[in-house]
Amino acid sequence: MDSSTYGRDIALAFVGGFLAAVAILLAGGITVLRNSDAYGLGHWKLNAKMPLATMWMNLGYWTNADGERVQVFEEACSNLLREILSLAGLLGVEPTADDGTSSRSLAVLDVGFGCGDQTLELVRLTQPRGWSDFRYVGLTMNQDQVYSASRRIYSELAASYHLPAESFTLLCANAAVPRAWKPRVSQAVESLAKGGFTDRWFLALDCLYHFSPSRKPILEYAARILGANFMAFDLILNESASLRDTLTMRAVGMMMGCPMKTFLTEEQYREQLVECGYDAESIVIRDITEHVFPGVVKFLDDQERALSQYGISLGGYKLAGRLFDWFGRSKVVKASIVVARNKGSDKW
């Protein structure tokens, strides 16, 4: 076979293979189109408003200021942050001097900040107080959340509150293990202690029970290195829970990816805070169980029914709903807000 004939055969084989591939793709596309119901509900995807207005994720506080049950997820999530800030004394009276100028500045280390909603709401709730300076460092283990939150924060907050971009630092890091932080992370977090801020706070909203090996390393770091006060939403083991429920709760916690002894009784929680550097007399633990579990369970049930009309399932959140229902009925854990002052800070 001469070279020209061989080359022609190769070219024909290539063209034939390409045409065969196109034919297969067309046949597959036609099959998909014929099997899909153009008059069904699948086109909900074309009507979904993008980007999503919010991407909140916490258990929520499902009672409003009038004592009525909240129906909207983002409102409940926002309410939980508001309740934490209120108990910490960060809402209310303006921190101003006699001459009308602001006399106090605020620095916040926020761990597990999510997709930006928590950060945005934190600023909306605290900035009207007129702090002379504001600094925020957020840590999350998810790089996608860093990207999502950064886009929103730098575009929305700079315009609305005239805060410079350097007021915010969002980083991907495991907040549970400070000793493993990269230098950039350590420097950013420690800048909160070096800026002369009068009010320094460590915020952990609905995440500490996942921290491995425990909460203790980040609590010690925040108290002793940053000199920061502490405010959080956490789950606290009910000291009156039966042995069976306690063991079941620890097993459930491990399935949730929590350390074996992550759930502490209130007495154990207080002892750990004191051991880490917080003032025993300043610790406040507020049980808000009745405002959390019933509301989130009802919301998940309602959301599952609503989504099922469009062929969508909540998936793993259905199981979470059952767990939260058990938490509420058995009272094995208490949904709680915890606030503590660093030993070196002023009491309120």
Protein backbone atom coordinates (compact mmCIF):
# COMPACT_ATOMS: atom_id res chain seq x y z
CA MET A 1 0.00 0.00 0.00
CA ASP A 2 1.49 3.35 -1.00
CA SER A 3 1.61 6.28 1.39
CA SER A 4 -1.19 8.23 -0.32
CA THR A 5 -3.63 5.31 -0.05
CA TYR A 6 -2.68 4.75 3.60
CA GLY A 7 -3.20 8.44 4.39
CA ARG A 8 -6.60 8.43 2.67
CA ASP A 9 -7.71 5.40 4.71
CA ILE A 10 -6.67 7.08 7.95
CA ALA A 11 -8.59 10.23 7.03
CA LEU A 12 -11.71 8.24 6.11
CA ALA A 13 -11.49 6.30 9.37
CA PHE A 14 -11.23 9.54 11.36
CA VAL A 15 -14.19 11.12 9.55
CA GLY A 16 -16.23 7.94 9.98
CA GLY A 17 -15.49 7.80 13.70
CA PHE A 18 -16.39 11.46 14.13
CA LEU A 19 -19.70 11.04 12.29
CA ALA A 20 -20.50 7.95 14.35
CA ALA A 21 -19.88 9.86 17.56
CA VAL A 22 -22.13 12.71 16.40
CA ALA A 23 -24.85 10.21 15.51
CA ILE A 24 -24.66 8.61 18.96
CA LEU A 25 -24.87 12.00 20.68
CA LEU A 26 -27.85 13.02 18.56
CA ALA A 27 -29.61 9.76 19.27
CA GLY A 28 -28.98 10.17 22.99
CA GLY A 29 -30.22 13.76 22.94
CA ILE A 30 -33.38 12.80 21.08
CA THR A 31 -34.02 10.00 23.58
CA VAL A 32 -33.63 12.40 26.53
CA LEU A 33 -35.92 14.97 24.96
CA ARG A 34 -38.58 12.40 24.13
CA ASN A 35 -38.45 10.92 27.62
CA SER A 36 -38.71 14.32 29.32
CA ASP A 37 -42.13 15.81 29.92
CA ALA A 38 -42.10 19.31 28.49
CA TYR A 39 -45.41 19.93 30.23
CA GLY A 40 -44.32 18.68 33.67
CA LEU A 41 -42.73 20.65 36.51
CA GLY A 42 -39.07 20.25 35.63
CA HIS A 43 -38.87 23.77 34.26
CA TRP A 44 -38.88 25.13 37.81
CA LYS A 45 -35.13 25.44 37.29
CA LEU A 46 -35.76 28.12 34.65
CA ASN A 47 -37.83 30.17 37.08
CA ALA A 48 -35.49 30.05 40.07
CA LYS A 49 -34.10 33.50 40.84
CA MET A 50 -30.32 33.50 40.75
CA PRO A 51 -28.21 34.31 42.59
CA LEU A 52 -30.03 33.14 45.70
CA ALA A 53 -31.02 36.02 47.94
CA THR A 54 -29.55 34.35 51.04
CA MET A 55 -27.50 31.28 51.97
CA TRP A 56 -28.01 31.16 55.74
CA MET A 57 -27.27 27.96 57.66
CA ASN A 58 -27.98 27.62 61.37
CA LEU A 59 -30.76 26.16 63.53
CA GLY A 60 -32.45 29.53 63.91
CA TYR A 61 -34.42 31.31 66.63
CA TRP A 62 -38.05 30.80 65.60
CA THR A 63 -39.80 33.40 67.76
CA ASN A 64 -40.02 37.08 66.84
CA ALA A 65 -40.04 40.11 69.14
CA ASP A 66 -43.83 39.86 69.48
CA GLY A 67 -43.62 36.27 70.69
CA GLU A 68 -45.00 34.89 67.41
CA ARG A 69 -43.64 31.88 65.53
CA VAL A 70 -41.33 32.79 62.64
CA GLN A 71 -42.09 31.09 59.31
CA VAL A 72 -39.12 32.15 57.16
CA PHE A 73 -35.75 30.42 57.44
CA GLU A 74 -33.56 33.47 56.86
CA GLU A 75 -35.50 35.45 59.46
CA ALA A 76 -35.01 32.70 62.06
CA CYS A 77 -31.28 32.47 61.29
CA SER A 78 -30.90 36.23 61.54
CA ASN A 79 -32.85 36.24 64.81
CA LEU A 80 -30.41 33.76 66.34
CA LEU A 81 -27.47 36.06 65.63
CA ARG A 82 -29.43 39.00 67.03
CA GLU A 83 -30.16 37.12 70.25
CA ILE A 84 -26.47 36.30 70.67
CA LEU A 85 -25.38 39.91 70.11
CA SER A 86 -28.08 41.15 72.45
CA LEU A 87 -26.99 38.87 75.30
CA ALA A 88 -23.39 39.94 74.68
CA GLY A 89 -24.40 43.59 75.10
CA LEU A 90 -23.45 44.58 71.55
CA LEU A 91 -26.86 46.00 70.72
CA GLY A 92 -28.53 49.00 72.31
CA VAL A 93 -26.79 52.06 73.73
CA GLU A 94 -24.39 53.90 71.43
CA PRO A 95 -20.71 53.64 72.56
CA THR A 96 -20.06 57.39 72.37
CA ALA A 97 -18.06 59.82 74.47
CA ASP A 98 -19.41 63.02 76.09
CA ASP A 99 -18.50 65.06 73.02
CA GLY A 100 -20.63 62.84 70.79
CA THR A 101 -17.73 61.04 69.14
CA SER A 102 -17.35 57.30 69.29
CA SER A 103 -15.08 56.13 72.10
CA ARG A 104 -14.96 52.39 71.41
CA SER A 105 -13.84 50.10 68.62
CA LEU A 106 -14.89 46.55 67.75
CA ALA A 107 -12.90 43.52 66.54
CA VAL A 108 -14.54 40.16 65.82
CA LEU A 109 -13.12 36.71 65.12
CA ASP A 110 -15.98 34.75 63.53
CA VAL A 111 -15.50 31.01 63.00
CA GLY A 112 -17.74 29.08 60.62
CA PHE A 113 -19.09 32.25 59.00
CA GLY A 114 -20.86 30.49 56.11
CA CYS A 115 -21.58 32.20 52.80
CA GLY A 116 -21.59 35.79 54.00
CA ASP A 117 -25.08 36.31 55.42
CA GLN A 118 -23.82 36.06 58.98
CA THR A 119 -21.10 38.63 58.33
CA LEU A 120 -23.49 41.01 56.57
CA GLU A 121 -26.03 40.79 59.36
CA LEU A 122 -23.37 41.23 62.03
CA VAL A 123 -22.35 44.52 60.44
CA ARG A 124 -25.95 45.67 59.91
CA LEU A 125 -26.75 45.05 63.57
CA THR A 126 -23.61 46.52 65.12
CA GLN A 127 -22.54 49.37 62.84
CA PRO A 128 -25.38 51.76 63.74
CA ARG A 129 -23.72 51.94 67.16
CA GLY A 130 -21.03 54.09 65.60
CA TRP A 131 -17.83 52.24 66.48
CA SER A 132 -14.74 54.37 65.86
CA ASP A 133 -13.07 51.39 64.16
CA PHE A 134 -14.20 47.95 63.05
CA ARG A 135 -12.21 44.83 62.15
CA TYR A 136 -13.50 41.41 61.17
CA VAL A 137 -11.65 38.14 60.56
CA GLY A 138 -13.68 35.12 59.48
CA LEU A 139 -12.50 31.51 59.27
CA THR A 140 -14.18 28.60 57.49
CA MET A 141 -12.97 25.21 56.29
CA ASN A 142 -14.75 25.58 52.94
CA GLN A 143 -13.00 27.54 50.19
CA ASP A 144 -16.23 27.91 48.19
CA GLN A 145 -17.76 29.72 51.16
CA VAL A 146 -14.80 32.08 51.24
CA TYR A 147 -15.34 32.95 47.57
CA SER A 148 -19.10 33.33 47.96
CA ALA A 149 -18.89 35.47 51.09
CA SER A 150 -16.08 37.64 49.72
CA ARG A 151 -18.07 38.57 46.62
CA ARG A 152 -21.03 39.70 48.69
CA ILE A 153 -19.18 41.40 51.53
CA TYR A 154 -16.82 43.52 49.49
CA SER A 155 -19.59 44.66 47.13
CA GLU A 156 -22.41 45.26 49.61
CA LEU A 157 -20.80 46.43 52.82
CA ALA A 158 -18.32 48.85 51.32
CA ALA A 159 -21.15 50.69 49.59
CA SER A 160 -23.65 50.57 52.45
CA TYR A 161 -21.41 51.31 55.45
CA HIS A 162 -18.35 52.90 53.84
CA LEU A 163 -16.11 50.31 55.43
CA PRO A 164 -12.73 49.86 53.77
CA ALA A 165 -11.95 46.46 52.25
CA GLU A 166 -9.14 45.94 54.75
CA SER A 167 -11.73 45.85 57.54
CA PHE A 168 -12.56 42.29 56.44
CA THR A 169 -10.38 39.24 56.09
CA LEU A 170 -11.99 35.94 55.10
CA LEU A 171 -9.79 32.86 55.15
CA CYS A 172 -9.98 29.10 54.70
CA ALA A 173 -8.60 27.41 57.82
CA ASN A 174 -9.53 24.89 60.48
CA ALA A 175 -10.44 27.13 63.41
CA ALA A 176 -10.38 24.18 65.79
CA VAL A 177 -6.58 23.78 65.53
CA PRO A 178 -4.85 27.19 65.88
CA ARG A 179 -1.39 25.61 66.09
CA ALA A 180 -1.85 24.28 62.53
CA TRP A 181 -2.72 27.64 60.99
CA LYS A 182 -0.57 28.96 58.19
CA PRO A 183 1.37 32.16 58.97
CA ARG A 184 -1.07 34.27 56.95
CA VAL A 185 -3.99 33.03 59.04
CA SER A 186 -2.19 33.51 62.36
CA GLN A 187 -1.13 37.03 61.41
CA ALA A 188 -4.65 38.01 60.37
CA VAL A 189 -6.24 36.67 63.55
CA GLU A 190 -3.58 38.11 65.86
CA SER A 191 -4.02 41.53 64.24
CA LEU A 192 -7.26 41.73 66.22
CA ALA A 193 -5.22 41.80 69.42
CA LYS A 194 -2.76 44.39 68.15
CA GLY A 195 -5.11 47.07 66.83
CA GLY A 196 -5.95 48.69 70.15
CA PHE A 197 -9.60 47.64 69.93
CA THR A 198 -11.57 48.28 73.09
CA ASP A 199 -14.04 45.45 72.40
CA ARG A 200 -12.73 42.12 71.10
CA TRP A 201 -15.08 39.19 70.59
CA PHE A 202 -14.86 35.58 69.50
CA LEU A 203 -18.11 34.51 67.76
CA ALA A 204 -19.07 30.89 67.09
CA LEU A 205 -22.61 30.55 65.77
CA ASP A 206 -23.82 26.93 65.67
CA CYS A 207 -20.53 25.20 64.92
CA LEU A 208 -18.46 24.49 68.05
CA TYR A 209 -19.86 21.00 68.68
CA HIS A 210 -18.17 19.93 65.44
CA PHE A 211 -14.73 21.13 66.53
CA SER A 212 -12.16 18.35 66.78
CA PRO A 213 -10.44 17.44 69.02
CA SER A 214 -12.59 19.83 71.10
CA ARG A 215 -13.58 23.47 71.63
CA LYS A 216 -10.74 23.95 74.07
CA PRO A 217 -7.86 24.94 71.73
CA ILE A 218 -9.78 27.78 70.07
CA LEU A 219 -11.30 28.92 73.39
CA GLU A 220 -7.85 29.12 74.98
CA TYR A 221 -6.46 30.91 71.95
CA ALA A 222 -9.27 33.47 71.92
CA ALA A 223 -9.00 34.13 75.66
CA ARG A 224 -5.25 34.11 76.18
CA ILE A 225 -3.83 35.25 72.83
CA LEU A 226 -6.55 37.61 71.61
CA GLY A 227 -7.92 38.67 74.99
CA ALA A 228 -11.35 38.27 73.40
CA ASN A 229 -14.74 37.84 75.01
CA PHE A 230 -16.84 34.87 73.89
CA MET A 231 -20.33 34.61 72.40
CA ALA A 232 -21.82 31.51 70.82
CA PHE A 233 -24.78 29.31 70.09
CA ASP A 234 -24.05 25.76 71.18
CA LEU A 235 -25.71 22.49 72.19
CA ILE A 236 -25.31 21.61 75.87
CA LEU A 237 -25.93 18.18 77.33
CA ASN A 238 -28.84 18.09 79.76
CA GLU A 239 -27.47 17.00 83.13
CA SER A 240 -30.78 15.29 83.92
CA ALA A 241 -30.81 13.22 80.70
CA SER A 242 -30.98 9.45 81.20
CA LEU A 243 -27.88 7.33 80.68
CA ARG A 244 -29.51 5.74 77.64
CA ASP A 245 -30.29 9.12 76.05
CA THR A 246 -26.81 10.39 76.86
CA LEU A 247 -25.13 7.40 75.23
CA THR A 248 -27.49 7.66 72.26
CA MET A 249 -26.66 11.36 71.95
CA ARG A 250 -22.94 10.66 71.92
CA ALA A 251 -23.43 8.02 69.22
CA VAL A 252 -25.56 10.43 67.19
CA GLY A 253 -22.91 13.09 67.62
CA MET A 254 -20.24 10.80 66.20
CA MET A 255 -22.48 10.11 63.19
CA MET A 256 -22.76 13.89 62.79
CA GLY A 257 -18.97 14.08 62.66
CA CYS A 258 -18.59 15.37 66.23
CA PRO A 259 -15.94 14.24 68.73
CA MET A 260 -17.08 11.59 71.23
CA LYS A 261 -17.24 13.98 74.21
CA THR A 262 -18.22 17.15 72.40
CA PHE A 263 -21.46 17.55 74.34
CA LEU A 264 -20.83 18.94 77.83
CA THR A 265 -23.21 19.60 80.70
CA GLU A 266 -23.62 23.22 81.75
CA GLU A 267 -21.34 22.70 84.74
CA GLN A 268 -18.66 21.10 82.53
CA TYR A 269 -19.03 23.89 79.98
CA ARG A 270 -18.52 26.55 82.65
CA GLU A 271 -15.48 24.73 84.03
CA GLN A 272 -13.94 24.55 80.56
CA LEU A 273 -14.49 28.26 79.95
CA VAL A 274 -12.82 29.14 83.24
CA GLU A 275 -9.95 26.77 82.51
CA CYS A 276 -9.46 28.45 79.14
CA GLY A 277 -9.23 31.94 80.65
CA TYR A 278 -12.78 33.29 81.04
CA ASP A 279 -14.14 34.87 84.20
CA ALA A 280 -16.48 32.50 86.06
CA GLU A 281 -18.70 35.31 87.34
CA SER A 282 -19.30 36.67 83.83
CA ILE A 283 -20.51 33.44 82.21
CA VAL A 284 -24.14 33.49 81.10
CA ILE A 285 -25.79 30.42 79.58
CA ARG A 286 -29.33 30.96 78.31
CA ASP A 287 -31.51 27.97 77.40
CA ILE A 288 -33.47 28.76 74.21
CA THR A 289 -34.53 25.20 73.34
CA GLU A 290 -38.22 26.07 73.00
CA HIS A 291 -37.37 28.75 70.44
CA VAL A 292 -35.14 26.46 68.34
CA PHE A 293 -36.02 22.79 67.85
CA PRO A 294 -39.83 23.01 67.40
CA GLY A 295 -39.42 25.79 64.86
CA VAL A 296 -36.72 24.20 62.75
CA VAL A 297 -38.53 20.83 62.75
CA LYS A 298 -41.76 22.43 61.51
CA PHE A 299 -39.89 24.40 58.88
CA LEU A 300 -38.12 21.30 57.54
CA ASP A 301 -41.43 19.40 57.36
CA ASP A 302 -43.12 22.29 55.53
CA GLN A 303 -40.17 22.71 53.18
CA GLU A 304 -40.14 19.00 52.31
CA ARG A 305 -43.85 19.10 51.42
CA ALA A 306 -43.43 22.25 49.35
CA LEU A 307 -40.41 20.95 47.42
CA SER A 308 -41.98 17.53 46.80
CA GLN A 309 -44.52 19.20 44.51
CA TYR A 310 -41.63 19.85 42.13
CA GLY A 311 -40.00 16.46 42.49
CA ILE A 312 -37.33 17.70 44.89
CA SER A 313 -36.36 16.16 48.22
CA LEU A 314 -34.55 17.68 51.20
CA GLY A 315 -32.41 14.54 51.29
CA GLY A 316 -30.21 14.40 54.36
CA TYR A 317 -32.02 17.33 55.95
CA LYS A 318 -35.03 15.05 56.46
CA LEU A 319 -32.93 12.90 58.81
CA ALA A 320 -31.65 16.05 60.50
CA GLY A 321 -35.24 17.08 61.11
CA ARG A 322 -35.95 13.79 62.86
CA LEU A 323 -32.88 14.26 65.04
CA PHE A 324 -33.89 17.79 65.99
CA ASP A 325 -37.37 16.51 66.81
CA TRP A 326 -35.83 13.94 69.15
CA PHE A 327 -33.59 16.60 70.70
CA GLY A 328 -36.64 18.70 71.46
CA ARG A 329 -38.83 15.87 72.78
CA SER A 330 -36.20 14.05 74.84
CA LYS A 331 -34.52 17.27 76.04
CA VAL A 332 -31.23 15.36 75.90
CA VAL A 333 -29.49 18.55 74.78
CA LYS A 334 -30.34 22.19 75.34
CA ALA A 335 -30.03 24.75 72.56
CA SER A 336 -28.14 27.52 74.33
CA ILE A 337 -26.58 30.94 73.93
CA VAL A 338 -23.31 31.28 75.81
CA VAL A 339 -21.55 34.54 76.65
CA ALA A 340 -18.39 34.94 78.72
CA ARG A 341 -15.97 37.75 79.43
CA ASN A 342 -12.21 37.43 79.28
CA LYS A 343 -10.65 37.75 82.74
CA GLY A 344 -8.85 40.91 81.71
CA SER A 345 -11.90 42.73 80.32
CA ASP A 346 -14.45 44.95 82.05
CA LYS A 347 -17.62 43.35 83.32
CA TRP A 348 -20.93 44.67 82.03
